[in-house]
Amino acid sequence: MTSGTEDEQLAQIKDWWQRNGKPLLLGGVVALVVVFGWQFWQKHQLNQAQGASVVYQQLLTAALDGAEVDAAEVSRLGNLLKKDFAGTHYAQYGSLFVAKVAVESGRLDEAASELRAVVDKPADKTLDELARQRLARVLAAQDKTEEALKLLDGEADKAFVASREELRGDLLVLLGREDEAHAAYSKAKESLSQDAAIGGLQLKLDDLARGEA
């Protein structure tokens, strides 16, 4: 009887293994792959961030340190960030600096190209707004004021309302649309504290008022 019972138990174990063993084994393998894959991805992301940070610091040094900016080195490092760390915050902030140096060197087409790439696919809202406003200024300098104005359509994030509306006012003044410019400057002023609103923005409003007198 004992032998028969053992045979039955062995048969049951074999049957259970056939039905459940392989799926459980496969599930264990999948779990290991997920765990190690996640750890590898995290390590890769950390290495990417560290690498991008090093290149970005080098770019800042080339762009800001010393009396003379190394424009060629800024461009090289900016391209390296875009190539090896595309879409990251470091790469896009790098593009802002490349554009800044290009503007200072009178290369407006290059600056516009760098900024438009960020506007087309920004890493976050702050980068979108910074690049958008700077691109609008570059386009205005290229006598493309109407195109620049279109970039400012819609509502900006609360933190950027004042700067966007003031810029909108500047562009409208260039186009001779002074009533609209006054409205934009007023909106910019309303979004600031009373102390902050006193200054260049108020002077612009006063200039428009004198022009209407």
Protein backbone atom coordinates (compact mmCIF):
# COMPACT_ATOMS: atom_id res chain seq x y z
CA MET A 1 0.00 0.00 0.00
CA THR A 2 2.82 2.35 0.89
CA SER A 3 4.53 1.84 -2.43
CA GLY A 4 1.31 2.51 -4.25
CA THR A 5 0.73 5.70 -2.27
CA GLU A 6 4.27 6.89 -2.98
CA ASP A 7 3.80 6.18 -6.69
CA GLU A 8 0.58 8.16 -6.66
CA GLN A 9 2.26 11.06 -4.87
CA LEU A 10 5.15 10.97 -7.33
CA ALA A 11 2.70 10.96 -10.23
CA GLN A 12 0.87 13.91 -8.72
CA ILE A 13 4.15 15.81 -8.30
CA LYS A 14 5.12 15.10 -11.90
CA ASP A 15 1.69 16.18 -13.07
CA TRP A 16 1.87 19.37 -11.01
CA TRP A 17 5.32 20.13 -12.41
CA GLN A 18 4.13 19.63 -15.95
CA ARG A 19 1.27 22.04 -15.36
CA ASN A 20 2.97 24.64 -13.13
CA GLY A 21 6.72 24.11 -13.00
CA LYS A 22 7.64 25.59 -16.36
CA PRO A 23 5.44 28.70 -16.00
CA LEU A 24 6.87 29.31 -12.52
CA LEU A 25 10.41 28.86 -13.80
CA LEU A 26 9.73 31.21 -16.69
CA GLY A 27 8.18 33.72 -14.30
CA GLY A 28 11.29 33.57 -12.12
CA VAL A 29 13.53 34.17 -15.11
CA VAL A 30 11.37 37.10 -16.21
CA ALA A 31 11.49 38.55 -12.69
CA LEU A 32 15.28 38.35 -12.67
CA VAL A 33 15.46 40.00 -16.08
CA VAL A 34 13.21 42.82 -14.89
CA VAL A 35 15.22 43.38 -11.70
CA PHE A 36 18.62 43.35 -13.38
CA GLY A 37 17.27 45.30 -16.35
CA TRP A 38 15.94 48.00 -14.02
CA GLN A 39 19.26 48.19 -12.17
CA PHE A 40 21.14 48.43 -15.47
CA TRP A 41 18.81 51.18 -16.69
CA GLN A 42 19.23 53.15 -13.47
CA LYS A 43 23.00 52.86 -13.66
CA HIS A 44 22.92 53.88 -17.33
CA GLN A 45 20.77 56.92 -16.52
CA LEU A 46 23.13 57.93 -13.71
CA ASN A 47 26.16 57.56 -15.98
CA GLN A 48 24.39 59.58 -18.68
CA ALA A 49 23.55 62.37 -16.25
CA GLN A 50 27.09 62.48 -14.90
CA GLY A 51 28.57 62.51 -18.40
CA ALA A 52 26.21 65.25 -19.57
CA SER A 53 26.97 67.30 -16.45
CA VAL A 54 30.71 67.19 -17.14
CA VAL A 55 30.30 68.33 -20.75
CA TYR A 56 27.82 71.04 -19.72
CA GLN A 57 30.26 72.42 -17.13
CA GLN A 58 32.94 72.54 -19.81
CA LEU A 59 30.53 74.44 -22.07
CA LEU A 60 29.77 76.96 -19.30
CA THR A 61 33.48 77.51 -18.79
CA ALA A 62 34.00 78.16 -22.50
CA ALA A 63 30.94 80.43 -22.69
CA LEU A 64 31.32 82.46 -19.51
CA ASP A 65 34.88 82.38 -18.20
CA GLY A 66 37.48 84.87 -19.38
CA ALA A 67 37.26 88.08 -21.36
CA GLU A 68 36.98 86.34 -24.72
CA VAL A 69 34.42 83.63 -25.38
CA ASP A 70 35.70 80.55 -27.20
CA ALA A 71 32.84 80.35 -29.72
CA ALA A 72 34.27 77.34 -31.54
CA GLU A 73 34.60 75.35 -28.31
CA VAL A 74 31.09 76.34 -27.20
CA SER A 75 29.72 75.11 -30.53
CA ARG A 76 31.69 71.86 -30.33
CA LEU A 77 30.53 71.08 -26.81
CA GLY A 78 26.95 72.03 -27.66
CA ASN A 79 26.99 69.61 -30.59
CA LEU A 80 28.50 66.92 -28.33
CA LEU A 81 25.66 67.35 -25.85
CA LYS A 82 23.07 67.09 -28.62
CA LYS A 83 24.74 64.03 -30.10
CA ASP A 84 25.43 61.99 -26.95
CA PHE A 85 22.72 63.30 -24.61
CA ALA A 86 19.92 64.33 -26.99
CA GLY A 87 16.69 65.53 -25.40
CA THR A 88 18.18 65.94 -21.92
CA HIS A 89 17.97 69.16 -19.93
CA TYR A 90 21.74 69.52 -20.18
CA ALA A 91 21.65 69.33 -23.98
CA GLN A 92 18.87 71.91 -24.25
CA TYR A 93 20.38 74.36 -21.77
CA GLY A 94 23.57 73.90 -23.76
CA SER A 95 21.67 74.94 -26.88
CA LEU A 96 20.59 78.14 -25.13
CA PHE A 97 24.24 79.01 -24.49
CA VAL A 98 25.26 78.11 -28.04
CA ALA A 99 22.50 80.42 -29.27
CA LYS A 100 23.66 83.19 -26.92
CA VAL A 101 27.22 83.03 -28.23
CA ALA A 102 25.95 82.88 -31.82
CA VAL A 103 23.88 86.06 -31.28
CA GLU A 104 26.88 87.84 -29.78
CA SER A 105 28.88 86.84 -32.86
CA GLY A 106 26.16 88.06 -35.21
CA ARG A 107 25.25 84.55 -36.41
CA LEU A 108 21.50 84.93 -36.08
CA ASP A 109 20.57 82.02 -38.35
CA GLU A 110 22.60 79.63 -36.20
CA ALA A 111 21.04 81.04 -33.04
CA ALA A 112 17.54 80.66 -34.44
CA SER A 113 18.23 77.06 -35.44
CA GLU A 114 19.46 76.14 -31.95
CA LEU A 115 16.48 77.76 -30.25
CA ARG A 116 13.89 76.38 -32.63
CA ALA A 117 15.12 72.84 -31.95
CA VAL A 118 14.37 73.36 -28.25
CA VAL A 119 10.96 74.97 -28.92
CA ASP A 120 9.98 72.09 -31.19
CA LYS A 121 10.65 69.47 -28.51
CA PRO A 122 11.34 71.05 -25.10
CA ALA A 123 12.44 68.97 -22.14
CA ASP A 124 10.11 70.95 -19.86
CA LYS A 125 7.93 74.08 -19.73
CA THR A 126 10.71 76.31 -18.46
CA LEU A 127 13.01 75.44 -21.34
CA ASP A 128 10.14 75.89 -23.77
CA GLU A 129 9.45 79.42 -22.52
CA LEU A 130 13.09 80.48 -22.33
CA ALA A 131 13.82 79.24 -25.84
CA ARG A 132 10.53 80.65 -27.19
CA GLN A 133 11.18 84.17 -25.91
CA ARG A 134 14.80 84.16 -27.05
CA LEU A 135 13.82 82.88 -30.47
CA ALA A 136 11.23 85.64 -30.76
CA ARG A 137 13.94 88.23 -30.08
CA VAL A 138 16.26 86.67 -32.66
CA LEU A 139 13.49 86.62 -35.27
CA ALA A 140 12.70 90.27 -34.56
CA ALA A 141 16.37 91.09 -35.10
CA GLN A 142 16.06 89.34 -38.47
CA ASP A 143 13.09 91.57 -39.38
CA LYS A 144 10.68 88.66 -38.89
CA THR A 145 8.62 90.41 -36.25
CA GLU A 146 5.26 88.94 -37.29
CA GLU A 147 6.69 85.43 -37.07
CA ALA A 148 8.20 86.30 -33.69
CA LEU A 149 4.83 87.53 -32.44
CA LYS A 150 3.14 84.25 -33.38
CA LEU A 151 5.53 82.41 -31.07
CA LEU A 152 3.96 84.28 -28.16
CA ASP A 153 0.37 83.30 -28.91
CA GLY A 154 -1.52 81.74 -26.04
CA GLU A 155 -1.00 81.99 -22.30
CA ALA A 156 2.36 81.59 -20.61
CA ASP A 157 2.96 79.85 -17.32
CA LYS A 158 2.33 82.23 -14.41
CA ALA A 159 6.05 82.66 -13.73
CA PHE A 160 6.63 83.92 -17.27
CA VAL A 161 3.57 86.08 -17.91
CA ALA A 162 5.39 89.35 -17.22
CA SER A 163 8.38 88.66 -19.45
CA ARG A 164 6.26 87.24 -22.28
CA GLU A 165 3.78 90.13 -22.26
CA GLU A 166 6.54 92.72 -22.08
CA LEU A 167 8.23 91.06 -25.05
CA ARG A 168 4.90 90.95 -26.88
CA GLY A 169 4.59 94.68 -26.24
CA ASP A 170 8.08 95.30 -27.62
CA LEU A 171 7.22 93.43 -30.81
CA LEU A 172 3.91 95.25 -31.21
CA VAL A 173 5.71 98.59 -30.86
CA LEU A 174 8.04 97.54 -33.69
CA LEU A 175 4.96 96.82 -35.79
CA GLY A 176 3.41 100.19 -34.92
CA ARG A 177 0.47 98.61 -33.08
CA GLU A 178 0.70 100.88 -30.05
CA ASP A 179 -2.75 100.24 -28.53
CA GLU A 180 -2.07 96.50 -28.46
CA ALA A 181 1.41 97.16 -27.10
CA HIS A 182 -0.05 99.23 -24.27
CA ALA A 183 -2.43 96.38 -23.40
CA ALA A 184 0.45 93.89 -23.37
CA TYR A 185 2.61 96.12 -21.17
CA SER A 186 -0.32 96.67 -18.82
CA LYS A 187 -0.90 92.93 -18.53
CA ALA A 188 2.79 92.44 -17.78
CA LYS A 189 2.64 95.11 -15.08
CA GLU A 190 -0.46 93.59 -13.48
CA SER A 191 1.31 90.25 -13.10
CA LEU A 192 4.15 91.83 -11.09
CA SER A 193 4.32 93.17 -7.58
CA GLN A 194 4.05 96.95 -7.26
CA ASP A 195 7.76 97.35 -6.60
CA ALA A 196 8.81 95.09 -9.44
CA ALA A 197 6.57 96.92 -11.89
CA ILE A 198 8.44 100.19 -11.32
CA GLY A 199 11.29 100.43 -13.79
CA GLY A 200 11.78 99.72 -17.47
CA LEU A 201 8.26 98.41 -17.94
CA GLN A 202 6.74 101.58 -16.50
CA LEU A 203 9.01 103.69 -18.73
CA LYS A 204 7.67 101.84 -21.77
CA LEU A 205 4.10 102.56 -20.71
CA ASP A 206 5.00 106.22 -20.12
CA ASP A 207 6.62 106.48 -23.56
CA LEU A 208 3.48 105.16 -25.20
CA ALA A 209 1.35 107.60 -23.21
CA ARG A 210 3.53 110.51 -24.33
CA GLY A 211 3.25 109.34 -27.91
CA GLU A 212 -0.52 109.40 -27.68
CA ALA A 213 -0.57 112.89 -26.14
